[in-house]
Amino acid sequence: MAAVSPTVRRVPLIAGNWKMNLDHLQAIAFVQKLAWTLKDANHDFSAVEVAVFPPFTDLRSVQTLVAADKLPLAFGGQDVSEHESGAYTGEISAAFLAALESRYVIIGHSERRTLHAETDEQVAGKVAAALKHNIAPIICVGETAEDLETHGASAVPVAQLRAALSRVDSAADFVVAYEPVWAIGSGQAATPEQAEQVAAALRAVIAEVLGDDVAAKTRILYGGSVKSGNIAGFMREPNVDGALVGGASLDVNEFAAIVRYQKHVGL
């Protein structure tokens, strides 16, 4: 495995993927309450970054609120088109997300791969499209229960990441999210040790493809049944730099407790 500089500080990122939940009015109320909750807890956003990923119809409302109230929250899209523009009904381009000041975009989530037959080639195209518009992709990788039994934990995520990085250069800013498919929404998370094993393998791939410096600075998140009661265990692992949170991100107090994993405020 490639050496990673111990002097590099990776700011943890806690990201909430709302999936197809909350309309634009609910989104405004949620973001306001989340900001107030974290402010009341004296959360240091420079120590742990916070991002939310609303449905596309909510993004303008969230952008307006964040800008008007100068909230220290990042936000982004749950998916993006690999195409710049044209006759692609229902698609949203990276240019559109950039116009809304999206800092991040989720790409390659297992629900996209499974429900929409999204391929590694499409994921690579979406990553390239996001980077073209200075949006940091959160590249999702993960194995199914069948993959785990047949190939072990690392093989499929490593192959997915290698494909996703095929059009990325060493100057790119991106995040990787390891989400074992068997853990998403199941209530049964991977163990911190399992997450660390795969995260270390993913960091080694980044080092191989883009160099040690890129590997050292790239954040790797864990996702899959993350909650306030287990986040601290994952965050103790050296190669886990945050979490991509699903269902628990829809509860303001629970999500805030995950963000505040260092202090477990509210628990």
Protein backbone atom coordinates (compact mmCIF):
# COMPACT_ATOMS: atom_id res chain seq x y z
CA MET A 1 0.00 0.00 0.00
CA ALA A 2 1.26 3.49 -0.84
CA ALA A 3 2.57 5.61 2.00
CA VAL A 4 0.33 8.45 3.06
CA SER A 5 1.82 11.54 4.63
CA PRO A 6 0.88 11.79 8.33
CA THR A 7 1.12 15.59 8.10
CA VAL A 8 -1.90 15.92 5.82
CA ARG A 9 -5.05 16.95 7.69
CA ARG A 10 -8.27 15.87 6.06
CA VAL A 11 -11.25 17.84 7.38
CA PRO A 12 -14.01 15.33 8.20
CA LEU A 13 -17.17 15.62 6.11
CA ILE A 14 -20.62 14.59 7.31
CA ALA A 15 -23.01 14.56 4.34
CA GLY A 16 -26.76 14.02 4.48
CA ASN A 17 -28.36 12.38 1.44
CA TRP A 18 -32.08 13.13 1.68
CA LYS A 19 -32.93 10.94 -1.32
CA MET A 20 -36.55 11.52 -2.44
CA ASN A 21 -37.69 13.16 0.78
CA LEU A 22 -38.70 16.71 1.85
CA ASP A 23 -40.25 19.26 -0.48
CA HIS A 24 -38.80 22.76 -0.83
CA LEU A 25 -40.73 24.20 2.12
CA GLN A 26 -39.71 21.30 4.34
CA ALA A 27 -36.13 21.75 3.13
CA ILE A 28 -36.09 25.38 4.23
CA ALA A 29 -37.42 24.47 7.68
CA PHE A 30 -34.93 21.60 8.01
CA VAL A 31 -31.87 23.64 7.03
CA GLN A 32 -32.87 26.49 9.35
CA LYS A 33 -33.33 24.11 12.28
CA LEU A 34 -30.09 22.27 11.52
CA ALA A 35 -28.15 25.53 11.39
CA TRP A 36 -29.70 26.73 14.65
CA THR A 37 -29.07 23.40 16.37
CA LEU A 38 -25.41 23.35 15.38
CA LYS A 39 -24.95 27.03 16.24
CA ASP A 40 -26.45 26.47 19.70
CA ALA A 41 -24.01 23.58 20.15
CA ASN A 42 -21.10 25.85 19.14
CA HIS A 43 -20.20 23.52 16.31
CA ASP A 44 -16.88 24.31 14.64
CA PHE A 45 -17.52 23.94 10.91
CA SER A 46 -13.80 24.21 10.20
CA ALA A 47 -13.28 21.05 12.26
CA VAL A 48 -16.15 19.02 10.74
CA GLU A 49 -17.70 20.09 7.44
CA VAL A 50 -21.44 19.60 6.96
CA ALA A 51 -23.24 19.13 3.64
CA VAL A 52 -26.81 18.31 2.66
CA PHE A 53 -28.10 16.81 -0.58
CA PRO A 54 -31.74 17.73 -1.17
CA PRO A 55 -33.89 16.73 -4.15
CA PHE A 56 -33.30 18.88 -7.24
CA THR A 57 -36.55 20.81 -6.68
CA ASP A 58 -35.25 22.00 -3.29
CA LEU A 59 -31.82 23.20 -4.36
CA ARG A 60 -32.73 26.79 -5.25
CA SER A 61 -34.54 27.22 -1.94
CA VAL A 62 -31.58 25.83 -0.01
CA GLN A 63 -29.12 27.97 -1.97
CA THR A 64 -31.13 31.13 -1.30
CA LEU A 65 -31.39 30.40 2.43
CA VAL A 66 -27.71 29.52 2.81
CA ALA A 67 -26.65 32.68 0.97
CA ALA A 68 -29.12 35.04 2.67
CA ASP A 69 -28.38 33.82 6.19
CA LYS A 70 -24.68 33.18 5.50
CA LEU A 71 -24.98 29.64 6.79
CA PRO A 72 -21.75 27.61 6.89
CA LEU A 73 -23.40 24.62 5.22
CA ALA A 74 -22.42 23.04 1.92
CA PHE A 75 -24.99 21.50 -0.40
CA GLY A 76 -25.20 19.70 -3.70
CA GLY A 77 -27.11 17.43 -6.04
CA GLN A 78 -27.89 13.76 -5.63
CA ASP A 79 -26.94 13.01 -9.25
CA VAL A 80 -25.81 14.77 -12.42
CA SER A 81 -25.91 14.16 -16.15
CA GLU A 82 -22.77 13.19 -18.00
CA HIS A 83 -23.99 15.46 -20.82
CA GLU A 84 -23.52 19.22 -21.02
CA SER A 85 -26.91 20.01 -22.58
CA GLY A 86 -29.36 18.76 -25.18
CA ALA A 87 -32.26 16.36 -25.68
CA TYR A 88 -31.92 14.44 -22.42
CA THR A 89 -35.35 14.60 -20.83
CA GLY A 90 -35.23 14.64 -17.05
CA GLU A 91 -31.48 15.15 -16.83
CA ILE A 92 -29.73 17.88 -14.82
CA SER A 93 -26.36 19.14 -16.04
CA ALA A 94 -23.32 20.04 -13.97
CA ALA A 95 -23.62 23.56 -15.38
CA PHE A 96 -27.06 23.86 -13.78
CA LEU A 97 -25.71 22.65 -10.42
CA ALA A 98 -22.78 25.04 -10.65
CA ALA A 99 -25.17 27.94 -11.31
CA LEU A 100 -26.81 27.08 -7.99
CA GLU A 101 -23.41 27.15 -6.25
CA SER A 102 -23.42 23.44 -5.50
CA ARG A 103 -20.13 22.47 -3.90
CA TYR A 104 -20.64 18.72 -4.25
CA VAL A 105 -22.62 16.15 -6.20
CA ILE A 106 -23.24 12.50 -5.37
CA ILE A 107 -22.30 10.19 -8.24
CA GLY A 108 -22.66 6.43 -8.61
CA HIS A 109 -24.89 5.77 -5.60
CA SER A 110 -25.89 2.11 -5.47
CA GLU A 111 -29.54 3.06 -5.96
CA ARG A 112 -28.59 4.70 -9.25
CA ARG A 113 -26.49 1.72 -10.27
CA THR A 114 -29.21 -0.77 -9.34
CA LEU A 115 -32.50 0.98 -10.11
CA HIS A 116 -31.28 2.88 -13.18
CA ALA A 117 -28.67 0.41 -14.46
CA GLU A 118 -25.96 3.06 -14.21
CA THR A 119 -22.65 1.71 -15.51
CA ASP A 120 -19.06 2.38 -14.50
CA GLU A 121 -18.60 4.19 -17.82
CA GLN A 122 -21.52 6.51 -17.07
CA VAL A 123 -20.18 7.15 -13.59
CA ALA A 124 -16.81 8.14 -15.06
CA GLY A 125 -18.58 10.50 -17.47
CA LYS A 126 -20.53 12.11 -14.64
CA VAL A 127 -17.37 12.55 -12.57
CA ALA A 128 -15.69 14.28 -15.51
CA ALA A 129 -18.74 16.51 -16.06
CA ALA A 130 -18.81 17.60 -12.42
CA LEU A 131 -15.10 18.37 -12.33
CA LYS A 132 -15.37 20.42 -15.52
CA HIS A 133 -17.65 22.79 -13.59
CA ASN A 134 -15.55 22.78 -10.40
CA ILE A 135 -18.02 20.65 -8.47
CA ALA A 136 -16.44 18.01 -6.25
CA PRO A 137 -17.96 14.60 -6.97
CA ILE A 138 -18.67 12.26 -4.10
CA ILE A 139 -17.93 8.98 -5.86
CA CYS A 140 -19.94 6.13 -4.35
CA VAL A 141 -18.66 2.58 -4.47
CA GLY A 142 -19.73 -0.59 -2.68
CA GLU A 143 -20.38 -4.28 -2.88
CA THR A 144 -23.61 -6.28 -2.65
CA ALA A 145 -24.03 -9.18 -0.24
CA GLU A 146 -23.42 -11.54 -3.16
CA ASP A 147 -20.25 -9.66 -4.12
CA LEU A 148 -19.07 -9.86 -0.53
CA GLU A 149 -19.56 -13.61 -0.41
CA THR A 150 -18.03 -14.24 -3.83
CA HIS A 151 -15.20 -11.71 -4.06
CA GLY A 152 -14.68 -10.33 -0.57
CA ALA A 153 -15.28 -6.76 0.57
CA SER A 154 -12.71 -4.80 -1.42
CA ALA A 155 -12.74 -6.22 -4.96
CA VAL A 156 -15.88 -4.57 -6.35
CA PRO A 157 -15.42 -1.14 -4.69
CA VAL A 158 -11.80 -1.04 -5.87
CA ALA A 159 -12.82 -1.86 -9.45
CA GLN A 160 -15.62 0.73 -9.36
CA LEU A 161 -13.28 3.43 -8.09
CA ARG A 162 -10.59 2.63 -10.63
CA ALA A 163 -13.18 3.03 -13.41
CA ALA A 164 -14.55 6.26 -11.94
CA LEU A 165 -11.06 7.80 -11.85
CA SER A 166 -10.30 6.95 -15.47
CA ARG A 167 -10.89 10.55 -16.61
CA VAL A 168 -9.59 12.32 -13.50
CA ASP A 169 -6.24 14.09 -13.18
CA SER A 170 -4.16 14.78 -10.10
CA ALA A 171 -5.45 18.35 -9.75
CA ALA A 172 -9.03 17.20 -9.22
CA ASP A 173 -10.88 17.65 -5.94
CA PHE A 174 -13.11 14.68 -5.18
CA VAL A 175 -14.45 12.59 -2.31
CA VAL A 176 -15.01 8.83 -2.17
CA ALA A 177 -17.89 7.21 -0.28
CA TYR A 178 -17.73 3.52 0.56
CA GLU A 179 -21.29 2.27 0.91
CA PRO A 180 -21.68 -1.50 1.17
CA VAL A 181 -25.00 -2.12 -0.56
CA TRP A 182 -25.99 -4.73 2.00
CA ALA A 183 -25.77 -2.12 4.77
CA ILE A 184 -27.75 0.71 3.15
CA GLY A 185 -31.12 1.11 4.86
CA SER A 186 -30.79 -2.29 6.50
CA GLY A 187 -30.05 -1.13 10.03
CA GLN A 188 -26.99 -3.38 9.95
CA ALA A 189 -23.86 -1.29 9.42
CA ALA A 190 -20.45 -2.63 8.55
CA THR A 191 -18.05 -2.78 11.46
CA PRO A 192 -15.50 0.02 11.77
CA GLU A 193 -12.81 -2.57 11.03
CA GLN A 194 -14.56 -3.61 7.80
CA ALA A 195 -14.94 0.01 6.73
CA GLU A 196 -11.28 0.70 7.47
CA GLN A 197 -10.12 -2.31 5.46
CA VAL A 198 -11.98 -1.16 2.35
CA ALA A 199 -11.12 2.52 2.87
CA ALA A 200 -7.43 1.63 3.03
CA ALA A 201 -7.74 -0.37 -0.20
CA LEU A 202 -9.51 2.56 -1.88
CA ARG A 203 -6.81 4.98 -0.76
CA ALA A 204 -4.21 2.65 -2.22
CA VAL A 205 -6.03 2.76 -5.58
CA ILE A 206 -6.04 6.56 -5.51
CA ALA A 207 -2.30 6.52 -4.81
CA GLU A 208 -1.71 4.09 -7.66
CA VAL A 209 -3.77 6.07 -10.18
CA LEU A 210 -3.14 9.67 -9.12
CA GLY A 211 -0.19 9.58 -6.74
CA ASP A 212 0.51 9.57 -3.02
CA ASP A 213 -0.19 13.28 -2.54
CA VAL A 214 -3.71 12.98 -3.95
CA ALA A 215 -4.34 9.85 -1.88
CA ALA A 216 -3.18 11.65 1.25
CA LYS A 217 -5.58 14.56 0.81
CA THR A 218 -8.66 12.72 -0.49
CA ARG A 219 -11.46 12.16 2.00
CA ILE A 220 -13.07 8.73 2.16
CA LEU A 221 -16.50 8.49 3.77
CA TYR A 222 -18.41 5.50 5.10
CA GLY A 223 -22.12 5.11 4.37
CA GLY A 224 -24.66 2.46 5.31
CA SER A 225 -26.89 2.56 8.41
CA VAL A 226 -24.83 5.35 10.01
CA LYS A 227 -26.33 6.75 13.20
CA SER A 228 -25.24 8.74 16.23
CA GLY A 229 -24.62 5.55 18.18
CA ASN A 230 -22.03 4.14 15.77
CA ILE A 231 -20.41 7.14 14.04
CA ALA A 232 -17.63 7.60 16.59
CA GLY A 233 -16.39 4.06 15.98
CA PHE A 234 -16.00 4.72 12.27
CA MET A 235 -14.33 8.08 12.84
CA ARG A 236 -11.64 6.50 15.00
CA GLU A 237 -10.35 4.62 11.94
CA PRO A 238 -7.40 6.34 10.22
CA ASN A 239 -8.72 6.04 6.67
CA VAL A 240 -12.35 7.01 7.37
CA ASP A 241 -12.86 10.76 7.06
CA GLY A 242 -16.59 11.15 7.50
CA ALA A 243 -19.95 9.69 6.59
CA LEU A 244 -22.58 9.76 3.87
CA VAL A 245 -25.75 9.51 5.93
CA GLY A 246 -29.09 8.39 4.52
CA GLY A 247 -32.20 7.91 6.67
CA ALA A 248 -30.68 9.43 9.80
CA SER A 249 -30.02 12.69 7.92
CA LEU A 250 -33.78 13.37 7.82
CA ASP A 251 -33.94 13.82 11.61
CA VAL A 252 -32.38 17.15 12.56
CA ASN A 253 -31.39 16.17 16.08
CA GLU A 254 -30.00 12.80 15.04
CA PHE A 255 -28.07 14.29 12.13
CA ALA A 256 -26.69 17.04 14.36
CA ALA A 257 -25.57 14.40 16.86
CA ILE A 258 -23.77 12.57 14.04
CA VAL A 259 -22.10 15.83 12.98
CA ARG A 260 -21.10 16.39 16.61
CA TYR A 261 -19.68 12.89 16.98
CA GLN A 262 -16.67 14.27 18.84
CA LYS A 263 -18.88 15.49 21.66
CA HIS A 264 -22.10 13.54 21.19
CA VAL A 265 -24.21 16.60 21.84
CA GLY A 266 -27.81 15.68 22.59
CA LEU A 267 -27.12 12.03 23.36
